[in-house]
Structure formats: C-alpha cells, structure tokens
Amino acid sequence: MKPNSSTKRRTRTTGRNLEPRFARGEAVLDYFDPARAIVSHGGARPGAGRKPSGKVRKMVKLSPAAIRRVRAFARRERLPDFSAALEEAVRRL
C-alpha cells in the first residue's frame, strides 16, 4: 500500500538543516528543549530600580495661594524643588 501524501514523514531537525528549515518557515522546535530554556531578559535584577530615599509619598490639597507662597519660599531659600521647600518649612515650625 502506498503511503498517503498528506501524512508526510517528518525528518528530525538537526544542526545541519536548522537554518534552511527555519528560513522556509517550518517548525524547528523539536531541535530545542523548551524545558531547559533560560530566560535572559525581564524580571528583577539585583541593584536595579530607584534607591530608597527614606521618604514617604503623600498627596495633599493646597490652595493656589499656599502653592505660590511655598514656591516663593523655595526660590528665596534656593531649594531644589517643591518637596524640599515643604520639608524645610515644616522643619522650621
């Protein structure tokens, strides 16, 4: 009996035929062992991320007049930002 043409016998992917098979768009996953795959990107990395500053983020609602006063205080005292101005003003209380 002649084998059916739709049930082609598939040859195993080897190092020699990997590139040509991949270029033709054929499946080559049998050459690799997905269970032993090493993920080389993503996830946490040691030393990555923003270093802790020891401060806590808080949201406050201020009137436009209070914001103008804090900004003026920051300019007058040559403070780098709004948070530094608020912290310095609270320290002086």
N, C-alpha and C. Protein backbone atom coordinates (compact mmCIF):
# COMPACT_ATOMS: atom_id res chain seq x y z
N MET A 1 0.83 -1.18 0.00
CA MET A 1 0.00 0.00 0.00
C MET A 1 0.88 1.24 0.00
N LYS A 2 0.52 2.21 -0.80
CA LYS A 2 1.27 3.44 -0.95
C LYS A 2 0.90 4.41 0.19
N PRO A 3 1.91 5.05 0.83
CA PRO A 3 1.58 6.00 1.90
C PRO A 3 0.85 7.20 1.35
N ASN A 4 -0.06 7.70 2.15
CA ASN A 4 -0.84 8.87 1.79
C ASN A 4 0.09 10.09 1.73
N SER A 5 -0.05 10.91 0.71
CA SER A 5 0.83 12.07 0.55
C SER A 5 0.61 13.12 1.64
N SER A 6 -0.57 13.12 2.26
CA SER A 6 -0.84 14.11 3.31
C SER A 6 -0.19 13.74 4.63
N THR A 7 0.21 12.50 4.79
CA THR A 7 0.90 12.08 6.03
C THR A 7 2.38 11.95 5.73
N LYS A 8 3.01 13.06 5.46
CA LYS A 8 4.44 13.08 5.18
C LYS A 8 5.21 12.64 6.42
N ARG A 9 6.24 11.92 6.20
CA ARG A 9 7.10 11.56 7.32
C ARG A 9 8.03 12.74 7.57
N ARG A 10 8.01 13.20 8.76
CA ARG A 10 8.78 14.39 9.11
C ARG A 10 10.16 14.00 9.58
N THR A 11 11.17 14.65 9.05
CA THR A 11 12.54 14.37 9.49
C THR A 11 12.85 15.23 10.69
N ARG A 12 13.70 14.72 11.53
CA ARG A 12 14.08 15.43 12.74
C ARG A 12 14.97 16.62 12.39
N THR A 13 14.79 17.71 13.11
CA THR A 13 15.61 18.90 12.89
C THR A 13 16.98 18.66 13.49
N THR A 14 18.00 18.94 12.72
CA THR A 14 19.38 18.79 13.19
C THR A 14 20.09 20.12 13.03
N GLY A 15 21.31 20.17 13.50
CA GLY A 15 22.10 21.39 13.35
C GLY A 15 22.34 21.74 11.89
N ARG A 16 22.42 20.72 11.05
CA ARG A 16 22.67 20.94 9.62
C ARG A 16 21.46 21.52 8.90
N ASN A 17 20.27 21.05 9.24
CA ASN A 17 19.09 21.51 8.50
C ASN A 17 18.28 22.57 9.25
N LEU A 18 18.79 23.03 10.38
CA LEU A 18 18.06 24.02 11.17
C LEU A 18 17.82 25.31 10.40
N GLU A 19 18.88 25.92 9.89
CA GLU A 19 18.76 27.20 9.18
C GLU A 19 17.84 27.11 7.96
N PRO A 20 18.05 26.13 7.07
CA PRO A 20 17.16 26.06 5.90
C PRO A 20 15.69 25.81 6.26
N ARG A 21 15.46 24.97 7.24
CA ARG A 21 14.07 24.70 7.65
C ARG A 21 13.44 25.95 8.25
N PHE A 22 14.19 26.66 9.07
CA PHE A 22 13.67 27.88 9.68
C PHE A 22 13.38 28.93 8.60
N ALA A 23 14.27 29.06 7.63
CA ALA A 23 14.09 30.02 6.54
C ALA A 23 12.84 29.69 5.72
N ARG A 24 12.51 28.40 5.59
CA ARG A 24 11.32 28.01 4.84
C ARG A 24 10.05 28.16 5.68
N GLY A 25 10.20 28.47 6.96
CA GLY A 25 9.04 28.65 7.83
C GLY A 25 8.54 27.37 8.45
N GLU A 26 9.35 26.31 8.41
CA GLU A 26 8.94 25.05 9.01
C GLU A 26 9.17 25.09 10.51
N ALA A 27 8.48 24.20 11.23
CA ALA A 27 8.64 24.12 12.68
C ALA A 27 9.99 23.52 13.01
N VAL A 28 10.73 24.17 13.89
CA VAL A 28 12.05 23.68 14.27
C VAL A 28 12.16 23.52 15.79
N LEU A 29 11.02 23.55 16.49
CA LEU A 29 11.05 23.49 17.94
C LEU A 29 11.55 22.14 18.45
N ASP A 30 11.48 21.10 17.63
CA ASP A 30 11.97 19.81 18.09
C ASP A 30 13.50 19.81 18.27
N TYR A 31 14.19 20.81 17.73
CA TYR A 31 15.64 20.91 17.89
C TYR A 31 16.01 21.45 19.26
N PHE A 32 15.10 22.22 19.85
CA PHE A 32 15.35 22.86 21.13
C PHE A 32 14.57 22.17 22.23
N ASP A 33 15.05 22.26 23.46
CA ASP A 33 14.35 21.70 24.61
C ASP A 33 13.76 22.88 25.39
N PRO A 34 12.45 23.17 25.20
CA PRO A 34 11.86 24.33 25.88
C PRO A 34 11.90 24.23 27.40
N ALA A 35 11.97 23.01 27.93
CA ALA A 35 12.01 22.85 29.38
C ALA A 35 13.32 23.38 29.96
N ARG A 36 14.36 23.45 29.13
CA ARG A 36 15.66 23.92 29.61
C ARG A 36 15.97 25.34 29.14
N ALA A 37 14.97 26.03 28.65
CA ALA A 37 15.18 27.39 28.16
C ALA A 37 15.56 28.32 29.31
N ILE A 38 16.47 29.21 29.03
CA ILE A 38 16.92 30.18 30.02
C ILE A 38 16.39 31.55 29.61
N VAL A 39 15.62 32.17 30.49
CA VAL A 39 15.09 33.50 30.21
C VAL A 39 16.19 34.49 30.54
N SER A 40 16.60 35.23 29.54
CA SER A 40 17.73 36.15 29.74
C SER A 40 17.30 37.60 29.86
N HIS A 41 16.00 37.87 29.83
CA HIS A 41 15.54 39.24 29.97
C HIS A 41 14.25 39.26 30.78
N GLY A 42 13.99 40.41 31.36
CA GLY A 42 12.79 40.54 32.18
C GLY A 42 13.04 40.12 33.62
N GLY A 43 12.13 40.46 34.48
CA GLY A 43 12.24 40.07 35.88
C GLY A 43 13.14 41.00 36.67
N ALA A 44 13.21 40.74 37.94
CA ALA A 44 14.01 41.58 38.84
C ALA A 44 15.50 41.31 38.65
N ARG A 45 16.28 42.36 38.75
CA ARG A 45 17.73 42.23 38.66
C ARG A 45 18.33 42.87 39.90
N PRO A 46 19.38 42.30 40.43
CA PRO A 46 19.99 42.87 41.62
C PRO A 46 20.53 44.27 41.35
N GLY A 47 20.23 45.18 42.25
CA GLY A 47 20.72 46.55 42.14
C GLY A 47 19.91 47.44 41.20
N ALA A 48 18.85 46.89 40.59
CA ALA A 48 18.05 47.69 39.64
C ALA A 48 16.98 48.47 40.40
N GLY A 49 16.54 49.52 39.78
CA GLY A 49 15.45 50.30 40.36
C GLY A 49 15.94 51.51 41.14
N ARG A 50 15.00 52.29 41.55
CA ARG A 50 15.30 53.52 42.29
C ARG A 50 15.71 53.17 43.72
N LYS A 51 16.76 53.78 44.17
CA LYS A 51 17.24 53.54 45.54
C LYS A 51 16.29 54.21 46.53
N PRO A 52 16.01 53.56 47.67
CA PRO A 52 15.09 54.15 48.64
C PRO A 52 15.65 55.45 49.23
N SER A 53 14.79 56.46 49.33
CA SER A 53 15.22 57.75 49.87
C SER A 53 14.86 57.89 51.34
N GLY A 54 14.05 56.97 51.85
CA GLY A 54 13.64 57.04 53.25
C GLY A 54 12.47 57.98 53.46
N LYS A 55 11.85 58.41 52.37
CA LYS A 55 10.71 59.33 52.47
C LYS A 55 9.45 58.62 52.04
N VAL A 56 8.30 59.16 52.47
CA VAL A 56 7.00 58.58 52.16
C VAL A 56 6.24 59.55 51.27
N ARG A 57 5.62 59.01 50.21
CA ARG A 57 4.84 59.85 49.30
C ARG A 57 3.47 60.12 49.91
N LYS A 58 3.06 61.39 49.94
CA LYS A 58 1.75 61.80 50.44
C LYS A 58 1.15 62.80 49.47
N MET A 59 -0.16 62.74 49.30
CA MET A 59 -0.84 63.72 48.46
C MET A 59 -1.60 64.68 49.36
N VAL A 60 -1.40 65.96 49.11
CA VAL A 60 -2.10 66.99 49.89
C VAL A 60 -2.77 67.95 48.93
N LYS A 61 -3.84 68.57 49.38
CA LYS A 61 -4.53 69.58 48.59
C LYS A 61 -4.20 70.94 49.19
N LEU A 62 -3.67 71.82 48.36
CA LEU A 62 -3.30 73.16 48.81
C LEU A 62 -4.02 74.19 47.95
N SER A 63 -4.27 75.32 48.54
CA SER A 63 -4.90 76.41 47.78
C SER A 63 -3.84 77.01 46.84
N PRO A 64 -4.29 77.66 45.78
CA PRO A 64 -3.33 78.31 44.87
C PRO A 64 -2.43 79.31 45.59
N ALA A 65 -2.98 80.01 46.58
CA ALA A 65 -2.18 80.99 47.34
C ALA A 65 -1.07 80.28 48.13
N ALA A 66 -1.40 79.15 48.74
CA ALA A 66 -0.40 78.40 49.51
C ALA A 66 0.70 77.88 48.59
N ILE A 67 0.33 77.43 47.40
CA ILE A 67 1.32 76.95 46.44
C ILE A 67 2.26 78.08 46.02
N ARG A 68 1.71 79.26 45.77
CA ARG A 68 2.54 80.42 45.41
C ARG A 68 3.52 80.75 46.53
N ARG A 69 3.04 80.69 47.77
CA ARG A 69 3.91 81.02 48.92
C ARG A 69 5.04 80.00 49.07
N VAL A 70 4.70 78.70 48.88
CA VAL A 70 5.74 77.66 49.01
C VAL A 70 6.76 77.81 47.89
N ARG A 71 6.29 78.10 46.68
CA ARG A 71 7.22 78.29 45.55
C ARG A 71 8.12 79.51 45.77
N ALA A 72 7.56 80.56 46.29
CA ALA A 72 8.35 81.76 46.59
C ALA A 72 9.39 81.46 47.67
N PHE A 73 8.98 80.71 48.68
CA PHE A 73 9.90 80.29 49.74
C PHE A 73 11.04 79.47 49.16
N ALA A 74 10.72 78.55 48.24
CA ALA A 74 11.73 77.69 47.62
C ALA A 74 12.73 78.54 46.83
N ARG A 75 12.25 79.53 46.08
CA ARG A 75 13.16 80.42 45.32
C ARG A 75 14.03 81.23 46.27
N ARG A 76 13.41 81.78 47.30
CA ARG A 76 14.14 82.62 48.25
C ARG A 76 15.24 81.84 48.97
N GLU A 77 14.93 80.61 49.33
CA GLU A 77 15.90 79.78 50.07
C GLU A 77 16.79 78.94 49.14
N ARG A 78 16.56 79.08 47.83
CA ARG A 78 17.32 78.32 46.82
C ARG A 78 17.23 76.81 47.04
N LEU A 79 16.00 76.36 47.23
CA LEU A 79 15.74 74.94 47.42
C LEU A 79 15.42 74.31 46.05
N PRO A 80 15.80 73.06 45.85
CA PRO A 80 15.71 72.47 44.50
C PRO A 80 14.29 72.21 44.00
N ASP A 81 13.35 71.93 44.90
CA ASP A 81 12.01 71.60 44.42
C ASP A 81 10.95 71.88 45.49
N PHE A 82 9.71 71.67 45.11
CA PHE A 82 8.57 71.93 45.97
C PHE A 82 8.63 71.09 47.25
N SER A 83 8.98 69.80 47.10
CA SER A 83 9.05 68.92 48.27
C SER A 83 10.09 69.38 49.27
N ALA A 84 11.24 69.79 48.75
CA ALA A 84 12.29 70.29 49.65
C ALA A 84 11.83 71.55 50.37
N ALA A 85 11.07 72.41 49.68
CA ALA A 85 10.56 73.63 50.31
C ALA A 85 9.57 73.29 51.41
N LEU A 86 8.67 72.36 51.14
CA LEU A 86 7.70 71.95 52.18
C LEU A 86 8.42 71.34 53.37
N GLU A 87 9.39 70.49 53.11
CA GLU A 87 10.11 69.83 54.20
C GLU A 87 10.86 70.86 55.06
N GLU A 88 11.49 71.84 54.40
CA GLU A 88 12.20 72.87 55.15
C GLU A 88 11.24 73.74 55.94
N ALA A 89 10.09 74.08 55.36
CA ALA A 89 9.10 74.89 56.07
C ALA A 89 8.58 74.15 57.29
N VAL A 90 8.33 72.86 57.17
CA VAL A 90 7.84 72.06 58.31
C VAL A 90 8.94 71.94 59.36
N ARG A 91 10.17 71.79 58.95
CA ARG A 91 11.28 71.68 59.90
C ARG A 91 11.41 72.94 60.75
N ARG A 92 11.11 74.09 60.14
CA ARG A 92 11.22 75.36 60.85
C ARG A 92 10.05 75.64 61.78
N LEU A 93 9.01 74.85 61.73
CA LEU A 93 7.84 75.08 62.62
C LEU A 93 8.19 74.89 64.07
